[in-house]
PDB file of N, CA and C in Angstrom:
ATOM      1  N   MET A   1     270.602 107.813 -99.654  1.00  0.00           N
ATOM      2  CA  MET A   1     269.238 107.623-100.107  1.00  0.00           C
ATOM      3  C   MET A   1     268.592 108.993-100.296  1.00  0.00           C
ATOM      4  N   PRO A   2     267.877 109.170-101.410  1.00  0.00           N
ATOM      5  CA  PRO A   2     267.225 110.463-101.638  1.00  0.00           C
ATOM      6  C   PRO A   2     266.211 110.799-100.542  1.00  0.00           C
ATOM      7  N   LYS A   3     266.079 112.076-100.273  1.00  0.00           N
ATOM      8  CA  LYS A   3     265.183 112.560 -99.222  1.00  0.00           C
ATOM      9  C   LYS A   3     263.750 112.067 -99.435  1.00  0.00           C
ATOM     10  N   GLU A   4     263.265 112.093-100.685  1.00  0.00           N
ATOM     11  CA  GLU A   4     261.888 111.671-100.970  1.00  0.00           C
ATOM     12  C   GLU A   4     261.679 110.205-100.621  1.00  0.00           C
ATOM     13  N   LYS A   5     262.672 109.385-100.923  1.00  0.00           N
ATOM     14  CA  LYS A   5     262.566 107.960-100.620  1.00  0.00           C
ATOM     15  C   LYS A   5     262.560 107.733 -99.106  1.00  0.00           C
ATOM     16  N   GLN A   6     263.392 108.485 -98.394  1.00  0.00           N
ATOM     17  CA  GLN A   6     263.418 108.387 -96.932  1.00  0.00           C
ATOM     18  C   GLN A   6     262.051 108.737 -96.339  1.00  0.00           C
ATOM     19  N   GLU A   7     261.458 109.820 -96.839  1.00  0.00           N
ATOM     20  CA  GLU A   7     260.154 110.253 -96.338  1.00  0.00           C
ATOM     21  C   GLU A   7     259.088 109.197 -96.634  1.00  0.00           C
ATOM     22  N   ARG A   8     259.137 108.618 -97.813  1.00  0.00           N
ATOM     23  CA  ARG A   8     258.163 107.588 -98.184  1.00  0.00           C
ATOM     24  C   ARG A   8     258.274 106.379 -97.243  1.00  0.00           C
ATOM     25  N   ILE A   9     259.485 105.956 -96.991  1.00  0.00           N
ATOM     26  CA  ILE A   9     259.702 104.814 -96.092  1.00  0.00           C
ATOM     27  C   ILE A   9     259.232 105.149 -94.677  1.00  0.00           C
ATOM     28  N   GLN A  10     259.563 106.333 -94.196  1.00  0.00           N
ATOM     29  CA  GLN A  10     259.155 106.736 -92.851  1.00  0.00           C
ATOM     30  C   GLN A  10     257.630 106.795 -92.735  1.00  0.00           C
ATOM     31  N   ASN A  11     256.966 107.299 -93.772  1.00  0.00           N
ATOM     32  CA  ASN A  11     255.503 107.358 -93.754  1.00  0.00           C
ATOM     33  C   ASN A  11     254.900 105.959 -93.718  1.00  0.00           C
ATOM     34  N   ARG A  12     255.462 105.043 -94.470  1.00  0.00           N
ATOM     35  CA  ARG A  12     254.960 103.670 -94.466  1.00  0.00           C
ATOM     36  C   ARG A  12     255.187 102.998 -93.115  1.00  0.00           C
ATOM     37  N   LEU A  13     256.332 103.261 -92.517  1.00  0.00           N
ATOM     38  CA  LEU A  13     256.607 102.693 -91.192  1.00  0.00           C
ATOM     39  C   LEU A  13     255.641 103.237 -90.144  1.00  0.00           C
ATOM     40  N   ARG A  14     255.348 104.523 -90.220  1.00  0.00           N
ATOM     41  CA  ARG A  14     254.395 105.115 -89.284  1.00  0.00           C
ATOM     42  C   ARG A  14     253.006 104.505 -89.470  1.00  0.00           C
ATOM     43  N   ALA A  15     252.602 104.335 -90.725  1.00  0.00           N
ATOM     44  CA  ALA A  15     251.294 103.738 -90.999  1.00  0.00           C
ATOM     45  C   ALA A  15     251.237 102.310 -90.470  1.00  0.00           C
ATOM     46  N   TRP A  16     252.316 101.550 -90.658  1.00  0.00           N
ATOM     47  CA  TRP A  16     252.372 100.164 -90.161  1.00  0.00           C
ATOM     48  C   TRP A  16     252.295 100.146 -88.632  1.00  0.00           C
ATOM     49  N   ALA A  17     253.026 101.042 -87.995  1.00  0.00           N
ATOM     50  CA  ALA A  17     253.045 101.086 -86.532  1.00  0.00           C
ATOM     51  C   ALA A  17     251.678 101.465 -85.969  1.00  0.00           C
ATOM     52  N   ALA A  18     250.893 102.212 -86.739  1.00  0.00           N
ATOM     53  CA  ALA A  18     249.578 102.638 -86.276  1.00  0.00           C
ATOM     54  C   ALA A  18     248.533 101.523 -86.370  1.00  0.00           C
ATOM     55  N   LEU A  19     248.825 100.457 -87.100  1.00  0.00           N
ATOM     56  CA  LEU A  19     247.874  99.353 -87.247  1.00  0.00           C
ATOM     57  C   LEU A  19     247.791  98.530 -85.962  1.00  0.00           C
ATOM     58  N   SER A  20     246.622  97.990 -85.726  1.00  0.00           N
ATOM     59  CA  SER A  20     246.454  97.084 -84.595  1.00  0.00           C
ATOM     60  C   SER A  20     247.068  95.731 -84.953  1.00  0.00           C
ATOM     61  N   PRO A  21     247.345  94.887 -83.970  1.00  0.00           N
ATOM     62  CA  PRO A  21     247.875  93.551 -84.280  1.00  0.00           C
ATOM     63  C   PRO A  21     246.965  92.760 -85.224  1.00  0.00           C
ATOM     64  N   GLU A  22     245.648  92.921 -85.076  1.00  0.00           N
ATOM     65  CA  GLU A  22     244.709  92.225 -85.954  1.00  0.00           C
ATOM     66  C   GLU A  22     244.820  92.728 -87.392  1.00  0.00           C
ATOM     67  N   GLU A  23     244.948  94.057 -87.535  1.00  0.00           N
ATOM     68  CA  GLU A  23     245.085  94.636 -88.876  1.00  0.00           C
ATOM     69  C   GLU A  23     246.396  94.187 -89.520  1.00  0.00           C
ATOM     70  N   ARG A  24     247.457  94.138 -88.744  1.00  0.00           N
ATOM     71  CA  ARG A  24     248.746  93.681 -89.270  1.00  0.00           C
ATOM     72  C   ARG A  24     248.657  92.230 -89.735  1.00  0.00           C
ATOM     73  N   ALA A  25     247.985  91.406 -88.951  1.00  0.00           N
ATOM     74  CA  ALA A  25     247.830  89.997 -89.330  1.00  0.00           C
ATOM     75  C   ALA A  25     247.057  89.882 -90.641  1.00  0.00           C
ATOM     76  N   LYS A  26     246.030  90.709 -90.788  1.00  0.00           N
ATOM     77  CA  LYS A  26     245.232  90.703 -92.012  1.00  0.00           C
ATOM     78  C   LYS A  26     246.082  91.112 -93.222  1.00  0.00           C
ATOM     79  N   VAL A  27     246.888  92.149 -93.034  1.00  0.00           N
ATOM     80  CA  VAL A  27     247.772  92.616 -94.112  1.00  0.00           C
ATOM     81  C   VAL A  27     248.787  91.533 -94.476  1.00  0.00           C
ATOM     82  N   ARG A  28     249.367  90.897 -93.474  1.00  0.00           N
ATOM     83  CA  ARG A  28     250.336  89.819 -93.744  1.00  0.00           C
ATOM     84  C   ARG A  28     249.686  88.684 -94.528  1.00  0.00           C
ATOM     85  N   GLU A  29     248.454  88.350 -94.159  1.00  0.00           N
ATOM     86  CA  GLU A  29     247.733  87.267 -94.843  1.00  0.00           C
ATOM     87  C   GLU A  29     247.461  87.634 -96.300  1.00  0.00           C
ATOM     88  N   ARG A  30     247.046  88.878 -96.520  1.00  0.00           N
ATOM     89  CA  ARG A  30     246.820  89.334 -97.905  1.00  0.00           C
ATOM     90  C   ARG A  30     248.116  89.274 -98.705  1.00  0.00           C
ATOM     91  N   TRP A  31     249.212  89.700 -98.084  1.00  0.00           N
ATOM     92  CA  TRP A  31     250.508  89.690 -98.761  1.00  0.00           C
ATOM     93  C   TRP A  31     250.893  88.262 -99.162  1.00  0.00           C
ATOM     94  N   LYS A  32     250.720  87.320 -98.228  1.00  0.00           N
ATOM     95  CA  LYS A  32     251.032  85.923 -98.528  1.00  0.00           C
ATOM     96  C   LYS A  32     250.178  85.413 -99.681  1.00  0.00           C
ATOM     97  N   LYS A  33     248.908  85.771 -99.655  1.00  0.00           N
ATOM     98  CA  LYS A  33     247.986  85.328-100.711  1.00  0.00           C
ATOM     99  C   LYS A  33     248.423  85.897-102.065  1.00  0.00           C
ATOM    100  N   LEU A  34     248.774  87.168-102.098  1.00  0.00           N
ATOM    101  CA  LEU A  34     249.222  87.787-103.348  1.00  0.00           C
ATOM    102  C   LEU A  34     250.508  87.142-103.862  1.00  0.00           C
ATOM    103  N   GLN A  35     251.426  86.852-102.961  1.00  0.00           N
ATOM    104  CA  GLN A  35     252.696  86.261-103.372  1.00  0.00           C
ATOM    105  C   GLN A  35     252.524  84.853-103.912  1.00  0.00           C
ATOM    106  N   SER A  36     251.448  84.177-103.523  1.00  0.00           N
ATOM    107  CA  SER A  36     251.235  82.814-103.993  1.00  0.00           C
ATOM    108  C   SER A  36     250.516  82.763-105.345  1.00  0.00           C
ATOM    109  N   LEU A  37     250.048  83.919-105.826  1.00  0.00           N
ATOM    110  CA  LEU A  37     249.380  83.952-107.125  1.00  0.00           C
ATOM    111  C   LEU A  37     250.382  83.750-108.257  1.00  0.00           C
ATOM    112  N   PRO A  38     249.917  83.198-109.366  1.00  0.00           N
ATOM    113  CA  PRO A  38     250.794  83.090-110.536  1.00  0.00           C
ATOM    114  C   PRO A  38     251.196  84.491-111.023  1.00  0.00           C
ATOM    115  N   PRO A  39     252.361  84.613-111.633  1.00  0.00           N
ATOM    116  CA  PRO A  39     252.836  85.935-112.085  1.00  0.00           C
ATOM    117  C   PRO A  39     251.851  86.689-112.976  1.00  0.00           C
ATOM    118  N   LYS A  40     251.147  85.994-113.859  1.00  0.00           N
ATOM    119  CA  LYS A  40     250.199  86.684-114.744  1.00  0.00           C
ATOM    120  C   LYS A  40     249.064  87.326-113.950  1.00  0.00           C
ATOM    121  N   GLU A  41     248.578  86.617-112.927  1.00  0.00           N
ATOM    122  CA  GLU A  41     247.509  87.181-112.095  1.00  0.00           C
ATOM    123  C   GLU A  41     248.007  88.377-111.293  1.00  0.00           C
ATOM    124  N   ARG A  42     249.235  88.282-110.793  1.00  0.00           N
ATOM    125  CA  ARG A  42     249.799  89.416-110.044  1.00  0.00           C
ATOM    126  C   ARG A  42     249.950  90.632-110.952  1.00  0.00           C
ATOM    127  N   GLU A  43     250.390  90.413-112.183  1.00  0.00           N
ATOM    128  CA  GLU A  43     250.528  91.526-113.129  1.00  0.00           C
ATOM    129  C   GLU A  43     249.169  92.151-113.436  1.00  0.00           C
ATOM    130  N   GLU A  44     248.153  91.308-113.578  1.00  0.00           N
ATOM    131  CA  GLU A  44     246.803  91.816-113.837  1.00  0.00           C
ATOM    132  C   GLU A  44     246.308  92.654-112.661  1.00  0.00           C
ATOM    133  N   LEU A  45     246.531  92.187-111.449  1.00  0.00           N
ATOM    134  CA  LEU A  45     246.146  92.970-110.274  1.00  0.00           C
ATOM    135  C   LEU A  45     246.908  94.283-110.205  1.00  0.00           C
ATOM    136  N   LYS A  46     248.181  94.247-110.538  1.00  0.00           N
ATOM    137  CA  LYS A  46     248.993  95.472-110.537  1.00  0.00           C
ATOM    138  C   LYS A  46     248.451  96.463-111.564  1.00  0.00           C
ATOM    139  N   ARG A  47     248.093  95.950-112.747  1.00  0.00           N
ATOM    140  CA  ARG A  47     247.546  96.809-113.796  1.00  0.00           C
ATOM    141  C   ARG A  47     246.238  97.451-113.332  1.00  0.00           C
ATOM    142  N   LYS A  48     245.376  96.639-112.705  1.00  0.00           N
ATOM    143  CA  LYS A  48     244.101  97.165-112.206  1.00  0.00           C
ATOM    144  C   LYS A  48     244.323  98.213-111.121  1.00  0.00           C
ATOM    145  N   TRP A  49     245.312  97.978-110.258  1.00  0.00           N
ATOM    146  CA  TRP A  49     245.611  98.950-109.197  1.00  0.00           C
ATOM    147  C   TRP A  49     246.089 100.269-109.796  1.00  0.00           C
ATOM    148  N   LEU A  50     246.950 100.188-110.798  1.00  0.00           N
ATOM    149  CA  LEU A  50     247.436 101.411-111.431  1.00  0.00           C
ATOM    150  C   LEU A  50     246.287 102.165-112.096  1.00  0.00           C
ATOM    151  N   GLU A  51     245.352 101.444-112.700  1.00  0.00           N
ATOM    152  CA  GLU A  51     244.170 102.088-113.285  1.00  0.00           C
ATOM    153  C   GLU A  51     243.353 102.778-112.196  1.00  0.00           C
ATOM    154  N   TYR A  52     243.166 102.083-111.078  1.00  0.00           N
ATOM    155  CA  TYR A  52     242.412 102.643-109.955  1.00  0.00           C
ATOM    156  C   TYR A  52     243.061 103.925-109.452  1.00  0.00           C
ATOM    157  N   GLU A  53     244.380 103.910-109.340  1.00  0.00           N
ATOM    158  CA  GLU A  53     245.085 105.100-108.851  1.00  0.00           C
ATOM    159  C   GLU A  53     244.876 106.310-109.749  1.00  0.00           C
ATOM    160  N   GLN A  54     244.607 106.083-111.026  1.00  0.00           N
ATOM    161  CA  GLN A  54     244.414 107.182-111.968  1.00  0.00           C
ATOM    162  C   GLN A  54     243.007 107.775-111.921  1.00  0.00           C
ATOM    163  N   LEU A  55     242.081 107.093-111.250  1.00  0.00           N
ATOM    164  CA  LEU A  55     240.698 107.574-111.180  1.00  0.00           C
ATOM    165  C   LEU A  55     240.593 108.852-110.363  1.00  0.00           C
ATOM    166  N   PRO A  56     239.610 109.684-110.693  1.00  0.00           N
ATOM    167  CA  PRO A  56     239.347 110.863-109.850  1.00  0.00           C
ATOM    168  C   PRO A  56     238.859 110.409-108.475  1.00  0.00           C
ATOM    169  N   GLU A  57     239.048 111.244-107.480  1.00  0.00           N
ATOM    170  CA  GLU A  57     238.692 110.896-106.100  1.00  0.00           C
ATOM    171  C   GLU A  57     237.227 110.491-105.948  1.00  0.00           C
ATOM    172  N   GLU A  58     236.318 111.157-106.675  1.00  0.00           N
ATOM    173  CA  GLU A  58     234.900 110.811-106.512  1.00  0.00           C
ATOM    174  C   GLU A  58     234.604 109.382-106.985  1.00  0.00           C
ATOM    175  N   HIS A  59     235.319 108.919-108.006  1.00  0.00           N
ATOM    176  CA  HIS A  59     235.150 107.534-108.440  1.00  0.00           C
ATOM    177  C   HIS A  59     235.739 106.562-107.407  1.00  0.00           C
ATOM    178  N   LYS A  60     236.870 106.936-106.852  1.00  0.00           N
ATOM    179  CA  LYS A  60     237.475 106.099-105.811  1.00  0.00           C
ATOM    180  C   LYS A  60     236.537 105.990-104.614  1.00  0.00           C
ATOM    181  N   ASP A  61     235.888 107.106-104.270  1.00  0.00           N
ATOM    182  CA  ASP A  61     234.948 107.101-103.149  1.00  0.00           C
ATOM    183  C   ASP A  61     233.792 106.145-103.412  1.00  0.00           C
ATOM    184  N   GLN A  62     233.335 106.081-104.665  1.00  0.00           N
ATOM    185  CA  GLN A  62     232.261 105.151-105.019  1.00  0.00           C
ATOM    186  C   GLN A  62     232.708 103.713-104.794  1.00  0.00           C
ATOM    187  N   PHE A  63     233.936 103.384-105.195  1.00  0.00           N
ATOM    188  CA  PHE A  63     234.449 102.045-104.989  1.00  0.00           C
ATOM    189  C   PHE A  63     234.595 101.731-103.501  1.00  0.00           C
ATOM    190  N   ARG A  64     235.041 102.709-102.744  1.00  0.00           N
ATOM    191  CA  ARG A  64     235.229 102.487-101.306  1.00  0.00           C
ATOM    192  C   ARG A  64     233.884 102.239-100.604  1.00  0.00           C
ATOM    193  N   SER A  65     232.852 102.984-101.019  1.00  0.00           N
ATOM    194  CA  SER A  65     231.557 102.849-100.355  1.00  0.00           C
ATOM    195  C   SER A  65     230.788 101.626-100.845  1.00  0.00           C
ATOM    196  N   ASN A  66     231.127 101.120-102.020  1.00  0.00           N
ATOM    197  CA  ASN A  66     230.426  99.969-102.572  1.00  0.00           C
ATOM    198  C   ASN A  66     231.441  99.021-103.220  1.00  0.00           C
ATOM    199  N   PRO A  67     232.265  98.361-102.400  1.00  0.00           N
ATOM    200  CA  PRO A  67     233.314  97.488-102.972  1.00  0.00           C
ATOM    201  C   PRO A  67     232.720  96.253-103.651  1.00  0.00           C
ATOM    202  N   PRO A  68     233.431  95.741-104.654  1.00  0.00           N
ATOM    203  CA  PRO A  68     232.954  94.526-105.301  1.00  0.00           C
ATOM    204  C   PRO A  68     233.063  93.339-104.344  1.00  0.00           C
ATOM    205  N   PRO A  69     232.221  92.328-104.526  1.00  0.00           N
ATOM    206  CA  PRO A  69     232.294  91.162-103.625  1.00  0.00           C
ATOM    207  C   PRO A  69     233.610  90.423-103.804  1.00  0.00           C
ATOM    208  N   PRO A  70     234.156  89.856-102.725  1.00  0.00           N
ATOM    209  CA  PRO A  70     235.413  89.110-102.838  1.00  0.00           C
ATOM    210  C   PRO A  70     235.198  87.836-103.648  1.00  0.00           C
ATOM    211  N   LYS A  71     236.260  87.428-104.311  1.00  0.00           N
ATOM    212  CA  LYS A  71     236.188  86.214-105.131  1.00  0.00           C
ATOM    213  C   LYS A  71     236.440  84.977-104.300  1.00  0.00           C
TER     214      LYS A  71
END
């Protein structure tokens, strides 16, 4: 396995281990909810996430401080 991939996996494992049991349960619930969505909706969410990742940090900060209401 390439070194970069190993580091990425290790970082994700560390982040997961740092979560509280309540946070882990919340993440698992979100994952289940996403997996139950129709493929078109999942693709749309993926597209929106990729767009978000391309935003400058100051725009991301605006979204973090004022998130849209949940559907």
